[in-house]
PDB file of all heavy atoms in Angstrom:
ATOM      1  N   ILE A   1       6.689  -7.062 -11.347  1.00  0.00           N
ATOM      2  CA  ILE A   1       6.572  -6.449 -10.013  1.00  0.00           C
ATOM      3  C   ILE A   1       7.146  -5.033 -10.028  1.00  0.00           C
ATOM      4  O   ILE A   1       6.542  -4.095  -9.479  1.00  0.00           O
ATOM      5  CB  ILE A   1       7.275  -7.334  -8.966  1.00  0.00           C
ATOM      6  CG1 ILE A   1       6.501  -8.643  -8.774  1.00  0.00           C
ATOM      7  CG2 ILE A   1       7.408  -6.589  -7.639  1.00  0.00           C
ATOM      8  CD1 ILE A   1       7.238  -9.676  -7.961  1.00  0.00           C
ATOM      9  N   ILE A   2       8.298  -4.849 -10.657  1.00  0.00           N
ATOM     10  CA  ILE A   2       8.899  -3.520 -10.751  1.00  0.00           C
ATOM     11  C   ILE A   2       7.969  -2.562 -11.489  1.00  0.00           C
ATOM     12  O   ILE A   2       7.801  -1.399 -11.096  1.00  0.00           O
ATOM     13  CB  ILE A   2      10.268  -3.605 -11.450  1.00  0.00           C
ATOM     14  CG1 ILE A   2      11.278  -4.319 -10.548  1.00  0.00           C
ATOM     15  CG2 ILE A   2      10.781  -2.209 -11.809  1.00  0.00           C
ATOM     16  CD1 ILE A   2      12.610  -4.592 -11.215  1.00  0.00           C
ATOM     17  N   ALA A   3       7.351  -3.044 -12.565  1.00  0.00           N
ATOM     18  CA  ALA A   3       6.430  -2.196 -13.334  1.00  0.00           C
ATOM     19  C   ALA A   3       5.226  -1.787 -12.487  1.00  0.00           C
ATOM     20  O   ALA A   3       4.795  -0.621 -12.527  1.00  0.00           O
ATOM     21  CB  ALA A   3       5.975  -2.936 -14.584  1.00  0.00           C
ATOM     22  N   TYR A   4       4.687  -2.708 -11.707  1.00  0.00           N
ATOM     23  CA  TYR A   4       3.545  -2.379 -10.857  1.00  0.00           C
ATOM     24  C   TYR A   4       3.933  -1.390  -9.757  1.00  0.00           C
ATOM     25  O   TYR A   4       3.197  -0.439  -9.464  1.00  0.00           O
ATOM     26  CB  TYR A   4       2.974  -3.646 -10.235  1.00  0.00           C
ATOM     27  CG  TYR A   4       2.102  -4.454 -11.165  1.00  0.00           C
ATOM     28  CD1 TYR A   4       2.146  -5.846 -11.172  1.00  0.00           C
ATOM     29  CD2 TYR A   4       1.220  -3.841 -12.042  1.00  0.00           C
ATOM     30  CE1 TYR A   4       1.344  -6.599 -12.016  1.00  0.00           C
ATOM     31  CE2 TYR A   4       0.416  -4.572 -12.892  1.00  0.00           C
ATOM     32  CZ  TYR A   4       0.486  -5.949 -12.872  1.00  0.00           C
ATOM     33  OH  TYR A   4      -0.308  -6.682 -13.717  1.00  0.00           O
ATOM     34  N   VAL A   5       5.078  -1.609  -9.142  1.00  0.00           N
ATOM     35  CA  VAL A   5       5.526  -0.700  -8.081  1.00  0.00           C
ATOM     36  C   VAL A   5       5.743   0.703  -8.640  1.00  0.00           C
ATOM     37  O   VAL A   5       5.330   1.705  -8.037  1.00  0.00           O
ATOM     38  CB  VAL A   5       6.810  -1.239  -7.426  1.00  0.00           C
ATOM     39  CG1 VAL A   5       7.393  -0.202  -6.464  1.00  0.00           C
ATOM     40  CG2 VAL A   5       6.526  -2.539  -6.675  1.00  0.00           C
ATOM     41  N   ALA A   6       6.362   0.793  -9.812  1.00  0.00           N
ATOM     42  CA  ALA A   6       6.596   2.098 -10.424  1.00  0.00           C
ATOM     43  C   ALA A   6       5.284   2.785 -10.791  1.00  0.00           C
ATOM     44  O   ALA A   6       5.159   4.014 -10.683  1.00  0.00           O
ATOM     45  CB  ALA A   6       7.475   1.940 -11.668  1.00  0.00           C
ATOM     46  N   GLN A   7       4.307   2.005 -11.215  1.00  0.00           N
ATOM     47  CA  GLN A   7       3.036   2.577 -11.657  1.00  0.00           C
ATOM     48  C   GLN A   7       2.205   3.098 -10.490  1.00  0.00           C
ATOM     49  O   GLN A   7       1.608   4.187 -10.581  1.00  0.00           O
ATOM     50  CB  GLN A   7       2.236   1.522 -12.429  1.00  0.00           C
ATOM     51  CG  GLN A   7       0.849   1.949 -12.851  1.00  0.00           C
ATOM     52  CD  GLN A   7       0.856   3.081 -13.877  1.00  0.00           C
ATOM     53  OE1 GLN A   7       1.867   3.326 -14.529  1.00  0.00           O
ATOM     54  NE2 GLN A   7      -0.266   3.760 -14.010  1.00  0.00           N
ATOM     55  N   TYR A   8       2.146   2.365  -9.393  1.00  0.00           N
ATOM     56  CA  TYR A   8       1.239   2.711  -8.294  1.00  0.00           C
ATOM     57  C   TYR A   8       1.926   3.376  -7.109  1.00  0.00           C
ATOM     58  O   TYR A   8       1.249   3.773  -6.154  1.00  0.00           O
ATOM     59  CB  TYR A   8       0.501   1.453  -7.827  1.00  0.00           C
ATOM     60  CG  TYR A   8      -0.323   0.823  -8.915  1.00  0.00           C
ATOM     61  CD1 TYR A   8      -0.047  -0.456  -9.398  1.00  0.00           C
ATOM     62  CD2 TYR A   8      -1.385   1.511  -9.489  1.00  0.00           C
ATOM     63  CE1 TYR A   8      -0.799  -1.028 -10.403  1.00  0.00           C
ATOM     64  CE2 TYR A   8      -2.149   0.950 -10.496  1.00  0.00           C
ATOM     65  CZ  TYR A   8      -1.851  -0.323 -10.952  1.00  0.00           C
ATOM     66  OH  TYR A   8      -2.601  -0.882 -11.954  1.00  0.00           O
ATOM     67  N   LEU A   9       3.244   3.516  -7.140  1.00  0.00           N
ATOM     68  CA  LEU A   9       3.947   4.116  -6.012  1.00  0.00           C
ATOM     69  C   LEU A   9       3.632   5.599  -5.829  1.00  0.00           C
ATOM     70  O   LEU A   9       3.459   6.038  -4.682  1.00  0.00           O
ATOM     71  CB  LEU A   9       5.455   3.911  -6.165  1.00  0.00           C
ATOM     72  CG  LEU A   9       6.314   4.359  -4.981  1.00  0.00           C
ATOM     73  CD1 LEU A   9       5.931   3.597  -3.713  1.00  0.00           C
ATOM     74  CD2 LEU A   9       7.799   4.164  -5.294  1.00  0.00           C
ATOM     75  N   PRO A  10       3.564   6.427  -6.886  1.00  0.00           N
ATOM     76  CA  PRO A  10       3.297   7.859  -6.652  1.00  0.00           C
ATOM     77  C   PRO A  10       2.014   8.127  -5.869  1.00  0.00           C
ATOM     78  O   PRO A  10       2.024   8.916  -4.911  1.00  0.00           O
ATOM     79  CB  PRO A  10       3.217   8.424  -8.076  1.00  0.00           C
ATOM     80  CG  PRO A  10       4.070   7.518  -8.891  1.00  0.00           C
ATOM     81  CD  PRO A  10       3.852   6.150  -8.304  1.00  0.00           C
ATOM     82  N   PHE A  11       0.923   7.491  -6.257  1.00  0.00           N
ATOM     83  CA  PHE A  11      -0.332   7.718  -5.535  1.00  0.00           C
ATOM     84  C   PHE A  11      -0.237   7.229  -4.094  1.00  0.00           C
ATOM     85  O   PHE A  11      -0.732   7.889  -3.162  1.00  0.00           O
ATOM     86  CB  PHE A  11      -1.493   7.015  -6.235  1.00  0.00           C
ATOM     87  CG  PHE A  11      -2.777   7.055  -5.458  1.00  0.00           C
ATOM     88  CD1 PHE A  11      -3.489   8.243  -5.316  1.00  0.00           C
ATOM     89  CD2 PHE A  11      -3.275   5.912  -4.851  1.00  0.00           C
ATOM     90  CE1 PHE A  11      -4.676   8.286  -4.590  1.00  0.00           C
ATOM     91  CE2 PHE A  11      -4.454   5.948  -4.121  1.00  0.00           C
ATOM     92  CZ  PHE A  11      -5.160   7.135  -3.995  1.00  0.00           C
ATOM     93  N   THR A  12       0.401   6.080  -3.886  1.00  0.00           N
ATOM     94  CA  THR A  12       0.521   5.536  -2.538  1.00  0.00           C
ATOM     95  C   THR A  12       1.380   6.441  -1.664  1.00  0.00           C
ATOM     96  O   THR A  12       1.061   6.667  -0.484  1.00  0.00           O
ATOM     97  CB  THR A  12       1.119   4.118  -2.578  1.00  0.00           C
ATOM     98  OG1 THR A  12       0.432   3.338  -3.567  1.00  0.00           O
ATOM     99  CG2 THR A  12       0.980   3.419  -1.240  1.00  0.00           C
ATOM    100  N   VAL A  13       2.478   6.976  -2.225  1.00  0.00           N
ATOM    101  CA  VAL A  13       3.320   7.912  -1.473  1.00  0.00           C
ATOM    102  C   VAL A  13       2.540   9.175  -1.133  1.00  0.00           C
ATOM    103  O   VAL A  13       2.602   9.685   0.000  1.00  0.00           O
ATOM    104  CB  VAL A  13       4.588   8.267  -2.277  1.00  0.00           C
ATOM    105  CG1 VAL A  13       5.343   9.412  -1.603  1.00  0.00           C
ATOM    106  CG2 VAL A  13       5.493   7.049  -2.396  1.00  0.00           C
ATOM    107  N   TYR A  14       1.802   9.690  -2.102  1.00  0.00           N
ATOM    108  CA  TYR A  14       0.990  10.898  -1.850  1.00  0.00           C
ATOM    109  C   TYR A  14      -0.006  10.661  -0.725  1.00  0.00           C
ATOM    110  O   TYR A  14      -0.170  11.501   0.169  1.00  0.00           O
ATOM    111  CB  TYR A  14       0.269  11.301  -3.131  1.00  0.00           C
ATOM    112  CG  TYR A  14      -0.844  12.299  -2.910  1.00  0.00           C
ATOM    113  CD1 TYR A  14      -0.567  13.642  -2.663  1.00  0.00           C
ATOM    114  CD2 TYR A  14      -2.184  11.883  -2.925  1.00  0.00           C
ATOM    115  CE1 TYR A  14      -1.595  14.549  -2.436  1.00  0.00           C
ATOM    116  CE2 TYR A  14      -3.202  12.791  -2.708  1.00  0.00           C
ATOM    117  CZ  TYR A  14      -2.906  14.111  -2.458  1.00  0.00           C
ATOM    118  OH  TYR A  14      -3.921  15.000  -2.232  1.00  0.00           O
ATOM    119  N   PHE A  15      -0.685   9.517  -0.760  1.00  0.00           N
ATOM    120  CA  PHE A  15      -1.691   9.221   0.256  1.00  0.00           C
ATOM    121  C   PHE A  15      -1.047   9.088   1.635  1.00  0.00           C
ATOM    122  O   PHE A  15      -1.551   9.645   2.623  1.00  0.00           O
ATOM    123  CB  PHE A  15      -2.424   7.937  -0.106  1.00  0.00           C
ATOM    124  CG  PHE A  15      -3.621   7.658   0.757  1.00  0.00           C
ATOM    125  CD1 PHE A  15      -4.878   8.118   0.389  1.00  0.00           C
ATOM    126  CD2 PHE A  15      -3.506   6.940   1.935  1.00  0.00           C
ATOM    127  CE1 PHE A  15      -5.989   7.865   1.184  1.00  0.00           C
ATOM    128  CE2 PHE A  15      -4.595   6.683   2.730  1.00  0.00           C
ATOM    129  CZ  PHE A  15      -5.843   7.149   2.357  1.00  0.00           C
ATOM    130  N   MET A  16       0.071   8.359   1.725  1.00  0.00           N
ATOM    131  CA  MET A  16       0.726   8.163   3.018  1.00  0.00           C
ATOM    132  C   MET A  16       1.307   9.476   3.542  1.00  0.00           C
ATOM    133  O   MET A  16       1.289   9.733   4.748  1.00  0.00           O
ATOM    134  CB  MET A  16       1.822   7.104   2.901  1.00  0.00           C
ATOM    135  CG  MET A  16       1.300   5.704   2.585  1.00  0.00           C
ATOM    136  SD  MET A  16      -0.005   5.130   3.699  1.00  0.00           S
ATOM    137  CE  MET A  16       0.802   5.263   5.294  1.00  0.00           C
ATOM    138  N   THR A  17       1.816  10.323   2.661  1.00  0.00           N
ATOM    139  CA  THR A  17       2.321  11.629   3.091  1.00  0.00           C
ATOM    140  C   THR A  17       1.201  12.478   3.669  1.00  0.00           C
ATOM    141  O   THR A  17       1.364  13.129   4.709  1.00  0.00           O
ATOM    142  CB  THR A  17       2.975  12.361   1.908  1.00  0.00           C
ATOM    143  OG1 THR A  17       4.028  11.561   1.357  1.00  0.00           O
ATOM    144  CG2 THR A  17       3.554  13.692   2.352  1.00  0.00           C
ATOM    145  N   SER A  18       0.055  12.464   2.996  1.00  0.00           N
ATOM    146  CA  SER A  18      -1.092  13.226   3.495  1.00  0.00           C
ATOM    147  C   SER A  18      -1.544  12.709   4.858  1.00  0.00           C
ATOM    148  O   SER A  18      -1.880  13.495   5.756  1.00  0.00           O
ATOM    149  CB  SER A  18      -2.246  13.150   2.489  1.00  0.00           C
ATOM    150  OG  SER A  18      -1.869  13.696   1.252  1.00  0.00           O
ATOM    151  N   TYR A  19      -1.548  11.393   5.006  1.00  0.00           N
ATOM    152  CA  TYR A  19      -1.995  10.814   6.282  1.00  0.00           C
ATOM    153  C   TYR A  19      -0.991  11.124   7.397  1.00  0.00           C
ATOM    154  O   TYR A  19      -1.371  11.539   8.495  1.00  0.00           O
ATOM    155  CB  TYR A  19      -2.163   9.311   6.131  1.00  0.00           C
ATOM    156  CG  TYR A  19      -2.790   8.659   7.348  1.00  0.00           C
ATOM    157  CD1 TYR A  19      -4.170   8.538   7.457  1.00  0.00           C
ATOM    158  CD2 TYR A  19      -2.001   8.187   8.394  1.00  0.00           C
ATOM    159  CE1 TYR A  19      -4.751   7.958   8.579  1.00  0.00           C
ATOM    160  CE2 TYR A  19      -2.571   7.606   9.519  1.00  0.00           C
ATOM    161  CZ  TYR A  19      -3.940   7.488   9.595  1.00  0.00           C
ATOM    162  OH  TYR A  19      -4.502   6.924  10.710  1.00  0.00           O
ATOM    163  N   TYR A  20       0.281  10.927   7.114  1.00  0.00           N
ATOM    164  CA  TYR A  20       1.305  11.149   8.138  1.00  0.00           C
ATOM    165  C   TYR A  20       1.421  12.620   8.522  1.00  0.00           C
ATOM    166  O   TYR A  20       1.909  12.937   9.610  1.00  0.00           O
ATOM    167  CB  TYR A  20       2.662  10.646   7.650  1.00  0.00           C
ATOM    168  CG  TYR A  20       2.810   9.136   7.714  1.00  0.00           C
ATOM    169  CD1 TYR A  20       3.686   8.473   6.849  1.00  0.00           C
ATOM    170  CD2 TYR A  20       2.101   8.382   8.633  1.00  0.00           C
ATOM    171  CE1 TYR A  20       3.839   7.097   6.906  1.00  0.00           C
ATOM    172  CE2 TYR A  20       2.236   7.007   8.699  1.00  0.00           C
ATOM    173  CZ  TYR A  20       3.110   6.370   7.829  1.00  0.00           C
ATOM    174  OH  TYR A  20       3.257   5.004   7.893  1.00  0.00           O
ATOM    175  N   SER A  21       0.991  13.526   7.643  1.00  0.00           N
ATOM    176  CA  SER A  21       1.055  14.954   7.973  1.00  0.00           C
ATOM    177  C   SER A  21       0.145  15.299   9.146  1.00  0.00           C
ATOM    178  O   SER A  21       0.366  16.314   9.826  1.00  0.00           O
ATOM    179  CB  SER A  21       0.657  15.797   6.750  1.00  0.00           C
ATOM    180  OG  SER A  21       1.575  15.604   5.691  1.00  0.00           O
ATOM    181  N   GLY A  22      -0.851  14.471   9.400  1.00  0.00           N
ATOM    182  CA  GLY A  22      -1.753  14.704  10.524  1.00  0.00           C
ATOM    183  C   GLY A  22      -1.240  14.165  11.840  1.00  0.00           C
ATOM    184  O   GLY A  22      -1.871  14.382  12.885  1.00  0.00           O
ATOM    185  N   ILE A  23      -0.120  13.449  11.822  1.00  0.00           N
ATOM    186  CA  ILE A  23       0.461  12.930  13.065  1.00  0.00           C
ATOM    187  C   ILE A  23       1.334  14.022  13.683  1.00  0.00           C
ATOM    188  O   ILE A  23       2.220  14.562  13.012  1.00  0.00           O
ATOM    189  CB  ILE A  23       1.292  11.665  12.786  1.00  0.00           C
ATOM    190  CG1 ILE A  23       0.374  10.568  12.233  1.00  0.00           C
ATOM    191  CG2 ILE A  23       1.999  11.186  14.053  1.00  0.00           C
ATOM    192  CD1 ILE A  23       1.110   9.298  11.852  1.00  0.00           C
ATOM    193  N   PRO A  24       1.134  14.385  14.943  1.00  0.00           N
ATOM    194  CA  PRO A  24       1.914  15.476  15.560  1.00  0.00           C
ATOM    195  C   PRO A  24       3.407  15.193  15.531  1.00  0.00           C
ATOM    196  O   PRO A  24       3.858  14.058  15.783  1.00  0.00           O
ATOM    197  CB  PRO A  24       1.386  15.514  16.999  1.00  0.00           C
ATOM    198  CG  PRO A  24       0.047  14.859  16.941  1.00  0.00           C
ATOM    199  CD  PRO A  24       0.140  13.822  15.868  1.00  0.00           C
ATOM    200  N   ARG A  25       4.170  16.221  15.209  1.00  0.00           N
ATOM    201  CA  ARG A  25       5.630  16.077  15.203  1.00  0.00           C
ATOM    202  C   ARG A  25       6.180  15.800  16.600  1.00  0.00           C
ATOM    203  O   ARG A  25       7.276  15.258  16.743  1.00  0.00           O
ATOM    204  CB  ARG A  25       6.265  17.348  14.638  1.00  0.00           C
ATOM    205  CG  ARG A  25       6.013  17.536  13.136  1.00  0.00           C
ATOM    206  CD  ARG A  25       6.677  18.812  12.643  1.00  0.00           C
ATOM    207  NE  ARG A  25       6.483  18.977  11.212  1.00  0.00           N
ATOM    208  CZ  ARG A  25       7.323  18.520  10.287  1.00  0.00           C
ATOM    209  NH1 ARG A  25       8.411  17.875  10.665  1.00  0.00           N
ATOM    210  NH2 ARG A  25       7.086  18.705   9.008  1.00  0.00           N
TER     211      ARG A  25
END
């Protein structure tokens, strides 16, 4: 589980950051 989280976390963080950037502050 740790290996999977480490492997796929960067892309997931990037995607969520991009999405949340469109939410008004």
